[in-house]
PDB file of N, CA and C in Angstrom:
ATOM      1  N   MET A   1     -15.503  21.946  14.432  1.00  0.00           N
ATOM      2  CA  MET A   1     -14.415  21.078  14.712  1.00  0.00           C
ATOM      3  C   MET A   1     -14.207  20.243  14.117  1.00  0.00           C
ATOM      4  N   THR A   2     -15.543  19.716  13.309  1.00  0.00           N
ATOM      5  CA  THR A   2     -15.169  18.564  12.206  1.00  0.00           C
ATOM      6  C   THR A   2     -14.006  18.787  11.117  1.00  0.00           C
ATOM      7  N   ARG A   3     -14.189  20.100  10.893  1.00  0.00           N
ATOM      8  CA  ARG A   3     -12.925  20.880   9.715  1.00  0.00           C
ATOM      9  C   ARG A   3     -11.734  20.513  10.047  1.00  0.00           C
ATOM     10  N   LEU A   4     -11.490  21.401  11.014  1.00  0.00           N
ATOM     11  CA  LEU A   4     -10.091  21.753  11.929  1.00  0.00           C
ATOM     12  C   LEU A   4      -9.635  19.847  11.665  1.00  0.00           C
ATOM     13  N   PHE A   5     -10.534  19.079  12.371  1.00  0.00           N
ATOM     14  CA  PHE A   5      -9.978  17.612  12.248  1.00  0.00           C
ATOM     15  C   PHE A   5      -9.633  17.281  11.350  1.00  0.00           C
ATOM     16  N   GLY A   6     -10.519  17.388  10.332  1.00  0.00           N
ATOM     17  CA  GLY A   6     -10.149  16.718   8.964  1.00  0.00           C
ATOM     18  C   GLY A   6      -8.970  17.151   8.376  1.00  0.00           C
ATOM     19  N   VAL A   7      -9.054  18.668   8.294  1.00  0.00           N
ATOM     20  CA  VAL A   7      -7.424  19.176   7.785  1.00  0.00           C
ATOM     21  C   VAL A   7      -6.271  18.847   8.294  1.00  0.00           C
ATOM     22  N   LEU A   8      -6.364  18.761   9.806  1.00  0.00           N
ATOM     23  CA  LEU A   8      -5.264  18.145  10.789  1.00  0.00           C
ATOM     24  C   LEU A   8      -4.759  16.746  10.516  1.00  0.00           C
ATOM     25  N   VAL A   9      -5.748  15.949   9.881  1.00  0.00           N
ATOM     26  CA  VAL A   9      -5.655  14.347   9.636  1.00  0.00           C
ATOM     27  C   VAL A   9      -4.948  14.785   8.220  1.00  0.00           C
ATOM     28  N   GLY A  10      -5.448  15.716   7.158  1.00  0.00           N
ATOM     29  CA  GLY A  10      -4.906  15.518   6.045  1.00  0.00           C
ATOM     30  C   GLY A  10      -3.668  16.230   5.730  1.00  0.00           C
ATOM     31  N   ILE A  11      -3.172  16.970   6.751  1.00  0.00           N
ATOM     32  CA  ILE A  11      -1.810  17.505   7.043  1.00  0.00           C
ATOM     33  C   ILE A  11      -0.808  16.297   7.318  1.00  0.00           C
ATOM     34  N   GLY A  12      -1.417  15.635   8.231  1.00  0.00           N
ATOM     35  CA  GLY A  12      -0.722  14.696   8.913  1.00  0.00           C
ATOM     36  C   GLY A  12      -0.534  13.460   7.647  1.00  0.00           C
ATOM     37  N   ILE A  13      -1.270  13.355   6.836  1.00  0.00           N
ATOM     38  CA  ILE A  13      -0.668  12.432   5.745  1.00  0.00           C
ATOM     39  C   ILE A  13       0.514  13.317   5.033  1.00  0.00           C
ATOM     40  N   LEU A  14       0.024  14.389   4.993  1.00  0.00           N
ATOM     41  CA  LEU A  14       0.993  14.889   3.669  1.00  0.00           C
ATOM     42  C   LEU A  14       2.328  14.672   4.534  1.00  0.00           C
ATOM     43  N   LEU A  15       2.204  15.122   5.927  1.00  0.00           N
ATOM     44  CA  LEU A  15       3.773  15.105   6.727  1.00  0.00           C
ATOM     45  C   LEU A  15       4.347  13.576   6.348  1.00  0.00           C
ATOM     46  N   MET A  16       3.351  12.395   6.328  1.00  0.00           N
ATOM     47  CA  MET A  16       4.073  11.163   6.055  1.00  0.00           C
ATOM     48  C   MET A  16       4.760  11.278   5.021  1.00  0.00           C
ATOM     49  N   ALA A  17       4.137  12.132   3.685  1.00  0.00           N
ATOM     50  CA  ALA A  17       4.260  12.001   2.263  1.00  0.00           C
ATOM     51  C   ALA A  17       5.642  12.685   2.280  1.00  0.00           C
ATOM     52  N   SER A  18       6.059  13.525   3.154  1.00  0.00           N
ATOM     53  CA  SER A  18       7.040  14.494   3.124  1.00  0.00           C
ATOM     54  C   SER A  18       8.475  13.252   3.818  1.00  0.00           C
ATOM     55  N   PHE A  19       8.398  12.400   4.561  1.00  0.00           N
ATOM     56  CA  PHE A  19       9.379  11.618   5.058  1.00  0.00           C
ATOM     57  C   PHE A  19       9.443  10.387   3.507  1.00  0.00           C
ATOM     58  N   THR A  20       8.002   9.700   3.296  1.00  0.00           N
ATOM     59  CA  THR A  20       8.051   9.056   2.542  1.00  0.00           C
ATOM     60  C   THR A  20       9.563   9.123   1.032  1.00  0.00           C
ATOM     61  N   PHE A  21       9.234  10.559   1.249  1.00  0.00           N
ATOM     62  CA  PHE A  21       9.774  11.164  -0.215  1.00  0.00           C
ATOM     63  C   PHE A  21      11.113  11.333   0.212  1.00  0.00           C
ATOM     64  N   GLN A  22      11.560  11.625   1.111  1.00  0.00           N
ATOM     65  CA  GLN A  22      13.099  11.085   1.506  1.00  0.00           C
ATOM     66  C   GLN A  22      13.656  10.346   1.661  1.00  0.00           C
ATOM     67  N   ASP A  23      12.945   9.311   2.068  1.00  0.00           N
ATOM     68  CA  ASP A  23      13.303   7.787   1.736  1.00  0.00           C
ATOM     69  C   ASP A  23      13.793   7.780   0.281  1.00  0.00           C
ATOM     70  N   SER A  24      12.717   7.938  -0.551  1.00  0.00           N
ATOM     71  CA  SER A  24      12.895   7.607  -1.733  1.00  0.00           C
ATOM     72  C   SER A  24      14.265   8.211  -2.628  1.00  0.00           C
ATOM     73  N   ALA A  25      14.266   9.889  -1.993  1.00  0.00           N
ATOM     74  CA  ALA A  25      15.587  10.357  -2.593  1.00  0.00           C
ATOM     75  C   ALA A  25      16.734   9.629  -2.087  1.00  0.00           C
ATOM     76  N   ILE A  26      16.705   9.082  -1.075  1.00  0.00           N
ATOM     77  CA  ILE A  26      17.765   8.479   0.082  1.00  0.00           C
ATOM     78  C   ILE A  26      18.322   7.414  -1.045  1.00  0.00           C
ATOM     79  N   GLY A  27      17.260   6.423  -1.357  1.00  0.00           N
ATOM     80  CA  GLY A  27      17.365   5.455  -2.112  1.00  0.00           C
ATOM     81  C   GLY A  27      17.620   5.735  -3.411  1.00  0.00           C
ATOM     82  N   TRP A  28      17.522   6.721  -4.196  1.00  0.00           N
ATOM     83  CA  TRP A  28      17.921   6.774  -5.525  1.00  0.00           C
ATOM     84  C   TRP A  28      19.463   7.366  -5.290  1.00  0.00           C
ATOM     85  N   LYS A  29      19.801   8.136  -4.742  1.00  0.00           N
ATOM     86  CA  LYS A  29      20.861   9.090  -4.530  1.00  0.00           C
ATOM     87  C   LYS A  29      21.884   7.452  -3.684  1.00  0.00           C
ATOM     88  N   ASP A  30      21.762   6.276  -3.318  1.00  0.00           N
ATOM     89  CA  ASP A  30      22.379   5.332  -3.001  1.00  0.00           C
ATOM     90  C   ASP A  30      22.397   4.581  -3.715  1.00  0.00           C
ATOM     91  N   GLY A  31      21.804   4.506  -5.135  1.00  0.00           N
ATOM     92  CA  GLY A  31      21.908   3.726  -6.227  1.00  0.00           C
ATOM     93  C   GLY A  31      21.220   2.396  -6.044  1.00  0.00           C
ATOM     94  N   HIS A  32      20.339   2.434  -5.315  1.00  0.00           N
ATOM     95  CA  HIS A  32      19.243   1.519  -4.774  1.00  0.00           C
ATOM     96  C   HIS A  32      17.194   1.918  -5.652  1.00  0.00           C
ATOM     97  N   SER A  33      17.773   1.759  -6.979  1.00  0.00           N
ATOM     98  CA  SER A  33      16.342   2.447  -7.843  1.00  0.00           C
ATOM     99  C   SER A  33      15.227   1.383  -7.596  1.00  0.00           C
ATOM    100  N   ASP A  34      14.938   0.316  -7.016  1.00  0.00           N
ATOM    101  CA  ASP A  34      13.993  -0.362  -6.705  1.00  0.00           C
ATOM    102  C   ASP A  34      13.121   0.221  -5.047  1.00  0.00           C
ATOM    103  N   ILE A  35      14.452   0.511  -4.340  1.00  0.00           N
ATOM    104  CA  ILE A  35      13.535   1.113  -3.187  1.00  0.00           C
ATOM    105  C   ILE A  35      13.314   2.571  -3.544  1.00  0.00           C
ATOM    106  N   GLY A  36      14.422   3.654  -4.388  1.00  0.00           N
ATOM    107  CA  GLY A  36      13.710   4.864  -4.672  1.00  0.00           C
ATOM    108  C   GLY A  36      12.297   4.901  -5.241  1.00  0.00           C
ATOM    109  N   PHE A  37      12.133   3.824  -6.068  1.00  0.00           N
ATOM    110  CA  PHE A  37      10.727   3.914  -6.784  1.00  0.00           C
ATOM    111  C   PHE A  37       9.881   3.752  -6.189  1.00  0.00           C
ATOM    112  N   TRP A  38       9.877   2.518  -5.216  1.00  0.00           N
ATOM    113  CA  TRP A  38       8.623   2.035  -4.442  1.00  0.00           C
ATOM    114  C   TRP A  38       8.218   3.139  -3.386  1.00  0.00           C
ATOM    115  N   TRP A  39       9.150   3.987  -3.177  1.00  0.00           N
ATOM    116  CA  TRP A  39       9.323   5.076  -1.920  1.00  0.00           C
ATOM    117  C   TRP A  39       8.249   6.437  -2.497  1.00  0.00           C
ATOM    118  N   ALA A  40       8.613   6.314  -4.088  1.00  0.00           N
ATOM    119  CA  ALA A  40       7.996   7.215  -4.445  1.00  0.00           C
ATOM    120  C   ALA A  40       6.680   7.271  -4.925  1.00  0.00           C
ATOM    121  N   VAL A  41       6.362   5.760  -5.023  1.00  0.00           N
ATOM    122  CA  VAL A  41       5.040   5.126  -5.366  1.00  0.00           C
ATOM    123  C   VAL A  41       4.236   5.722  -4.482  1.00  0.00           C
ATOM    124  N   ILE A  42       4.744   5.457  -3.543  1.00  0.00           N
ATOM    125  CA  ILE A  42       4.113   5.382  -1.867  1.00  0.00           C
ATOM    126  C   ILE A  42       3.458   6.871  -1.881  1.00  0.00           C
ATOM    127  N   THR A  43       4.858   7.791  -1.851  1.00  0.00           N
ATOM    128  CA  THR A  43       4.498   9.411  -1.546  1.00  0.00           C
ATOM    129  C   THR A  43       3.532   9.681  -2.540  1.00  0.00           C
ATOM    130  N   GLY A  44       3.535   9.455  -3.744  1.00  0.00           N
ATOM    131  CA  GLY A  44       2.478   9.690  -4.498  1.00  0.00           C
ATOM    132  C   GLY A  44       1.088   9.460  -4.102  1.00  0.00           C
ATOM    133  N   LEU A  45       0.602   8.448  -3.737  1.00  0.00           N
ATOM    134  CA  LEU A  45      -0.319   7.952  -2.904  1.00  0.00           C
ATOM    135  C   LEU A  45      -0.956   8.731  -2.106  1.00  0.00           C
ATOM    136  N   LEU A  46       0.157   8.762  -1.189  1.00  0.00           N
ATOM    137  CA  LEU A  46       0.319   9.619   0.445  1.00  0.00           C
ATOM    138  C   LEU A  46      -0.677  11.199  -0.146  1.00  0.00           C
ATOM    139  N   THR A  47       0.440  11.687  -1.298  1.00  0.00           N
ATOM    140  CA  THR A  47      -0.048  12.678  -1.349  1.00  0.00           C
ATOM    141  C   THR A  47      -1.284  13.163  -1.997  1.00  0.00           C
ATOM    142  N   ILE A  48      -1.603  12.154  -2.807  1.00  0.00           N
ATOM    143  CA  ILE A  48      -3.321  11.900  -3.283  1.00  0.00           C
ATOM    144  C   ILE A  48      -3.780  11.950  -2.040  1.00  0.00           C
ATOM    145  N   ALA A  49      -4.270  11.212  -0.908  1.00  0.00           N
ATOM    146  CA  ALA A  49      -4.807  10.608  -0.194  1.00  0.00           C
ATOM    147  C   ALA A  49      -5.205  12.203   0.926  1.00  0.00           C
ATOM    148  N   GLY A  50      -3.538  12.755   0.968  1.00  0.00           N
ATOM    149  CA  GLY A  50      -3.742  13.981   1.839  1.00  0.00           C
ATOM    150  C   GLY A  50      -4.340  15.286   1.524  1.00  0.00           C
ATOM    151  N   VAL A  51      -3.951  14.970  -0.093  1.00  0.00           N
ATOM    152  CA  VAL A  51      -4.969  16.523  -0.678  1.00  0.00           C
ATOM    153  C   VAL A  51      -6.515  16.192  -0.664  1.00  0.00           C
ATOM    154  N   ALA A  52      -6.904  14.836  -0.962  1.00  0.00           N
ATOM    155  CA  ALA A  52      -8.512  14.582  -1.265  1.00  0.00           C
ATOM    156  C   ALA A  52      -8.993  14.782   0.003  1.00  0.00           C
ATOM    157  N   THR A  53      -8.179  14.406   1.186  1.00  0.00           N
ATOM    158  CA  THR A  53      -8.909  14.730   2.692  1.00  0.00           C
ATOM    159  C   THR A  53      -9.203  16.306   2.971  1.00  0.00           C
ATOM    160  N   ILE A  54      -7.733  16.943   2.545  1.00  0.00           N
ATOM    161  CA  ILE A  54      -8.631  18.412   2.476  1.00  0.00           C
ATOM    162  C   ILE A  54      -9.779  18.478   2.322  1.00  0.00           C
ATOM    163  N   ILE A  55      -9.730  18.316   0.817  1.00  0.00           N
ATOM    164  CA  ILE A  55     -10.392  18.953  -0.190  1.00  0.00           C
ATOM    165  C   ILE A  55     -12.093  18.119   0.467  1.00  0.00           C
ATOM    166  N   GLY A  56     -11.802  17.335   0.527  1.00  0.00           N
ATOM    167  CA  GLY A  56     -12.995  16.193   1.150  1.00  0.00           C
ATOM    168  C   GLY A  56     -13.711  16.748   2.302  1.00  0.00           C
ATOM    169  N   THR A  57     -12.663  17.246   3.136  1.00  0.00           N
ATOM    170  CA  THR A  57     -13.360  17.821   4.377  1.00  0.00           C
ATOM    171  C   THR A  57     -14.088  18.953   3.969  1.00  0.00           C
ATOM    172  N   TRP A  58     -13.218  20.166   3.134  1.00  0.00           N
ATOM    173  CA  TRP A  58     -13.683  21.529   3.193  1.00  0.00           C
ATOM    174  C   TRP A  58     -15.344  21.464   2.495  1.00  0.00           C
ATOM    175  N   ILE A  59     -15.339  20.481   1.596  1.00  0.00           N
ATOM    176  CA  ILE A  59     -16.395  20.207   0.659  1.00  0.00           C
ATOM    177  C   ILE A  59     -17.817  20.147   1.637  1.00  0.00           C
ATOM    178  N   HIS A  60     -17.664  19.050   2.227  1.00  0.00           N
ATOM    179  CA  HIS A  60     -18.594  18.300   3.150  1.00  0.00           C
ATOM    180  C   HIS A  60     -18.867  18.766   4.544  1.00  0.00           C
ATOM    181  N   THR A  61     -18.042  19.935   4.703  1.00  0.00           N
ATOM    182  CA  THR A  61     -18.397  20.632   5.430  1.00  0.00           C
ATOM    183  C   THR A  61     -18.797  21.800   5.993  1.00  0.00           C
ATOM    184  N   GLN A  62     -19.012  22.196   4.660  1.00  0.00           N
ATOM    185  CA  GLN A  62     -19.742  23.780   4.150  1.00  0.00           C
ATOM    186  C   GLN A  62     -21.672  23.372   4.802  1.00  0.00           C
ATOM    187  N   GLN A  63     -21.645  24.555   5.133  1.00  0.00           N
ATOM    188  CA  GLN A  63     -23.119  25.031   5.494  1.00  0.00           C
ATOM    189  C   GLN A  63     -23.995  24.506   4.468  1.00  0.00           C
ATOM    190  N   THR A  64     -25.417  24.237   4.546  1.00  0.00           N
ATOM    191  CA  THR A  64     -26.014  24.163   3.713  1.00  0.00           C
ATOM    192  C   THR A  64     -27.098  24.805   3.802  1.00  0.00           C
ATOM    193  N   GLU A  65     -27.987  25.440   2.895  1.00  0.00           N
ATOM    194  CA  GLU A  65     -29.531  25.986   3.332  1.00  0.00           C
ATOM    195  C   GLU A  65     -30.399  25.258   3.027  1.00  0.00           C
ATOM    196  N   ASP A  66     -31.013  24.836   4.508  1.00  0.00           N
ATOM    197  CA  ASP A  66     -32.122  23.921   4.142  1.00  0.00           C
ATOM    198  C   ASP A  66     -33.393  24.644   4.637  1.00  0.00           C
TER     199      ASP A  66
END
């Protein structure tokens, strides 16, 4: 159950990253390079956080041999 929750949180973070990527693309397209750039930075950070959440959950919920 813990693994499922962690993966779902990671997917939620990646979903937020996809929304910020769309905002970044709109900013670049409309000629607002500052908005496009900073939304791209936020997208990168959210992507790193989402992937790290999924990988960290997977690693820390493995069965241990005691």
